Protein backbone atom coordinates (compact mmCIF):
# COMPACT_ATOMS: atom_id res chain seq x y z
CA MET A 1 166.02 -16.96 -31.41
CA THR A 2 162.22 -15.22 -32.07
CA LYS A 3 161.15 -11.92 -32.18
CA ILE A 4 159.44 -12.53 -29.08
CA GLU A 5 161.65 -14.31 -27.29
CA PHE A 6 164.29 -11.70 -28.35
CA LEU A 7 162.02 -9.27 -27.05
CA GLN A 8 161.74 -10.40 -24.15
CA ALA A 9 164.66 -10.66 -23.48
CA VAL A 10 165.82 -6.81 -23.80
CA GLN A 11 162.93 -6.16 -21.96
CA LYS A 12 164.44 -8.01 -18.65
CA GLY A 13 167.18 -6.92 -19.51
CA ARG A 14 166.23 -3.86 -19.38
CA ASP A 15 163.59 -3.77 -16.30
CA ASP A 16 166.75 -5.44 -14.21
CA TRP A 17 168.77 -2.07 -14.98
CA ASP A 18 165.83 0.14 -14.42
CA GLU A 19 165.37 -1.46 -11.77
CA ARG A 20 169.51 -0.58 -10.05
CA LEU A 21 168.85 2.92 -11.49
CA LYS A 22 165.84 3.23 -9.05
CA GLY A 23 166.73 5.73 -6.47
CA ILE A 24 169.25 7.48 -8.70
CA ASP A 25 168.63 11.60 -8.96
CA PRO A 26 170.16 12.66 -13.17
CA SER A 27 169.65 16.20 -11.92
CA GLY A 28 172.16 15.60 -9.03
CA THR A 29 175.43 15.44 -9.18
CA ASP A 30 177.46 12.57 -10.68
CA GLN A 31 179.61 10.53 -8.07
CA ASP A 32 183.06 11.69 -7.24
CA PRO A 33 185.52 9.10 -9.81
CA VAL A 34 186.98 6.04 -8.34
CA PRO A 35 189.89 4.05 -10.11
CA GLY A 36 189.04 1.38 -12.53
CA LYS A 37 184.59 2.38 -11.91
CA MET A 38 183.37 4.38 -14.41
CA ARG A 39 181.21 7.44 -13.23
CA LEU A 40 177.07 7.01 -13.17
CA ARG A 41 177.69 10.13 -16.54
CA ASP A 42 180.37 7.86 -18.27
CA LEU A 43 178.41 4.97 -17.34
CA LEU A 44 174.78 6.23 -19.12
CA TYR A 45 177.00 7.39 -21.96
CA HIS A 46 178.34 4.64 -22.89
CA ILE A 47 175.56 2.49 -22.45
CA ALA A 48 173.93 4.86 -24.86
CA TRP A 49 176.59 4.94 -27.24
CA TYR A 50 176.32 1.28 -27.59
CA GLU A 51 172.44 1.41 -28.54
CA ARG A 52 172.82 3.79 -30.67
CA GLU A 53 175.15 2.21 -32.91
CA MET A 54 172.23 -0.60 -32.74
CA VAL A 55 169.91 1.78 -33.74
CA SER A 56 171.82 2.69 -36.80
CA VAL A 57 172.02 -1.02 -37.62
CA CYS A 58 168.44 -2.17 -37.49
CA GLN A 59 167.64 1.16 -39.59
CA LEU A 60 170.36 0.35 -42.52
CA HIS A 61 169.99 -3.30 -42.41
CA SER A 62 173.88 -2.92 -42.23
CA LEU A 63 176.96 -3.80 -40.02
CA VAL A 64 177.71 0.09 -40.48
CA GLY A 65 178.49 2.76 -37.64
CA SER A 66 181.93 4.54 -35.89
CA PRO A 67 185.13 3.16 -36.86
CA TRP A 68 185.92 3.18 -33.43
CA TRP A 69 184.25 -0.45 -33.84
CA ASN A 70 187.42 -1.15 -35.74
CA LEU A 71 189.32 -0.85 -32.07
CA PRO A 72 190.22 -3.30 -29.50
CA THR A 73 187.05 -2.92 -27.01
CA ASP A 74 189.26 -0.60 -23.97
CA GLU A 75 190.20 1.24 -26.48
CA ARG A 76 187.23 1.70 -27.81
CA ASN A 77 185.64 2.89 -25.00
CA VAL A 78 188.50 5.36 -24.14
CA TYR A 79 187.21 7.05 -27.04
CA ILE A 80 183.63 7.04 -26.05
CA MET A 81 184.48 8.15 -22.43
CA GLU A 82 186.25 10.96 -23.69
CA GLU A 83 183.26 11.65 -25.72
CA GLY A 84 181.56 11.82 -23.32
CA GLN A 85 182.87 14.70 -20.94
CA GLY A 86 180.87 17.23 -21.77
CA VAL A 87 177.49 15.56 -20.79
CA SER A 88 175.91 16.42 -17.82
CA LEU A 89 174.72 13.50 -15.95
CA LEU A 90 170.85 14.38 -16.46
CA GLU A 91 172.07 14.96 -20.07
CA ALA A 92 173.45 11.66 -20.34
CA TYR A 93 170.84 10.19 -18.57
CA HIS A 94 168.45 11.89 -21.31
CA GLN A 95 170.05 10.78 -24.07
CA GLU A 96 170.27 7.31 -22.52
CA ARG A 97 166.43 7.02 -22.17
CA GLN A 98 165.44 8.67 -25.86
CA VAL A 99 167.75 6.54 -27.31
CA TYR A 100 166.29 3.39 -26.00
CA SER A 101 163.48 4.60 -27.03
CA ALA A 102 164.72 4.03 -30.49
CA LEU A 103 166.17 1.91 -30.23
CA LEU A 104 162.71 -1.08 -29.03
CA ALA A 105 160.79 0.97 -32.21
CA GLN A 106 163.48 -0.27 -34.32
CA LEU A 107 164.11 -3.84 -32.75
CA GLN A 108 160.32 -3.92 -33.26
CA THR A 109 160.37 -3.57 -37.09
CA LEU A 110 162.45 -6.76 -37.45
CA SER A 111 161.25 -10.09 -38.55
CA ASP A 112 161.87 -13.49 -36.59
CA GLU A 113 164.19 -13.99 -39.95
CA GLU A 114 165.84 -10.86 -39.75
CA LEU A 115 167.22 -11.76 -36.33
CA GLU A 116 167.83 -15.55 -37.31
CA ASN A 117 169.91 -14.69 -40.91
CA ALA A 118 173.18 -12.44 -41.70
CA SER A 119 171.99 -12.34 -45.51
CA PHE A 120 169.61 -9.21 -44.14
CA PHE A 121 172.10 -7.38 -43.16
CA LYS A 122 174.93 -5.59 -45.46
CA GLU A 123 178.34 -6.64 -43.90
CA MET A 124 177.76 -8.62 -41.89
CA PRO A 125 179.70 -12.24 -41.20
CA PRO A 126 177.89 -15.28 -42.98
CA ASP A 127 178.14 -16.63 -39.85
CA TRP A 128 176.44 -14.26 -37.77
CA LYS A 129 173.70 -14.19 -35.37
CA PRO A 130 172.26 -10.62 -35.73
CA TRP A 131 169.86 -11.04 -32.40
CA GLN A 132 173.19 -11.97 -30.61
CA VAL A 133 175.37 -8.80 -32.03
CA ILE A 134 172.26 -6.87 -30.76
CA ALA A 135 171.98 -8.74 -27.39
CA SER A 136 175.70 -7.93 -26.73
CA ASN A 137 174.57 -4.78 -26.91
CA THR A 138 171.66 -4.10 -25.13
CA TYR A 139 170.39 -6.65 -22.41
CA GLU A 140 173.78 -8.44 -22.42
CA HIS A 141 175.66 -4.68 -22.16
CA TYR A 142 172.87 -3.68 -19.26
CA ALA A 143 173.38 -7.15 -17.13
CA GLU A 144 177.72 -6.97 -17.86
CA HIS A 145 177.24 -3.15 -15.95
CA LEU A 146 174.50 -3.79 -13.14
CA ALA A 147 177.39 -4.18 -10.59
CA ASP A 148 178.99 -1.06 -11.63
CA LEU A 149 175.82 0.70 -10.73
CA ALA A 150 175.42 -0.15 -6.83
C-alpha cells in the first residue's frame, strides 16, 4: 500500500461517510435511542474516539493510546459511549470533524515505508502493517457504520 493509495482509500471512505451525513442537522436534537443502535451523537463520538487514537499513533510513531484498547471491543465501546454522554450532538459533530482534519494532516506526514513497516512504530508487533491498523480505525470503520446513519 503506497501513501497515495492509502490516502485515496481514506478519502473515498470519508466521502461515503460525509455523503451519508448530508441532510443531518447537527444543531437539531438527537434521535431517540433505539435498542441495539447508537444514537447519532454516540456514533459521531465513537468515530472521533477511534480517529483521535490514530492521531496519537501517527504523531508519536508508537502503538500508544487508551488503556481501553486492552478490553474486548464491545466493552471498550461501552466505555466510549459512556464517556460521550455529556457531549451534545453538535459538539460530537464538531469534534469528529476537527479530529478527522488532524488525522488527515498526520496521515499526510507518513511515508510509504512508514505505512508498510511496523518497525517505524514503537510497540507495534513486527508482523503488523501500520496502514492496516489505521485503516481499521478510519475508512474500514466508516464503512462498518454507514448503515447506522440510515
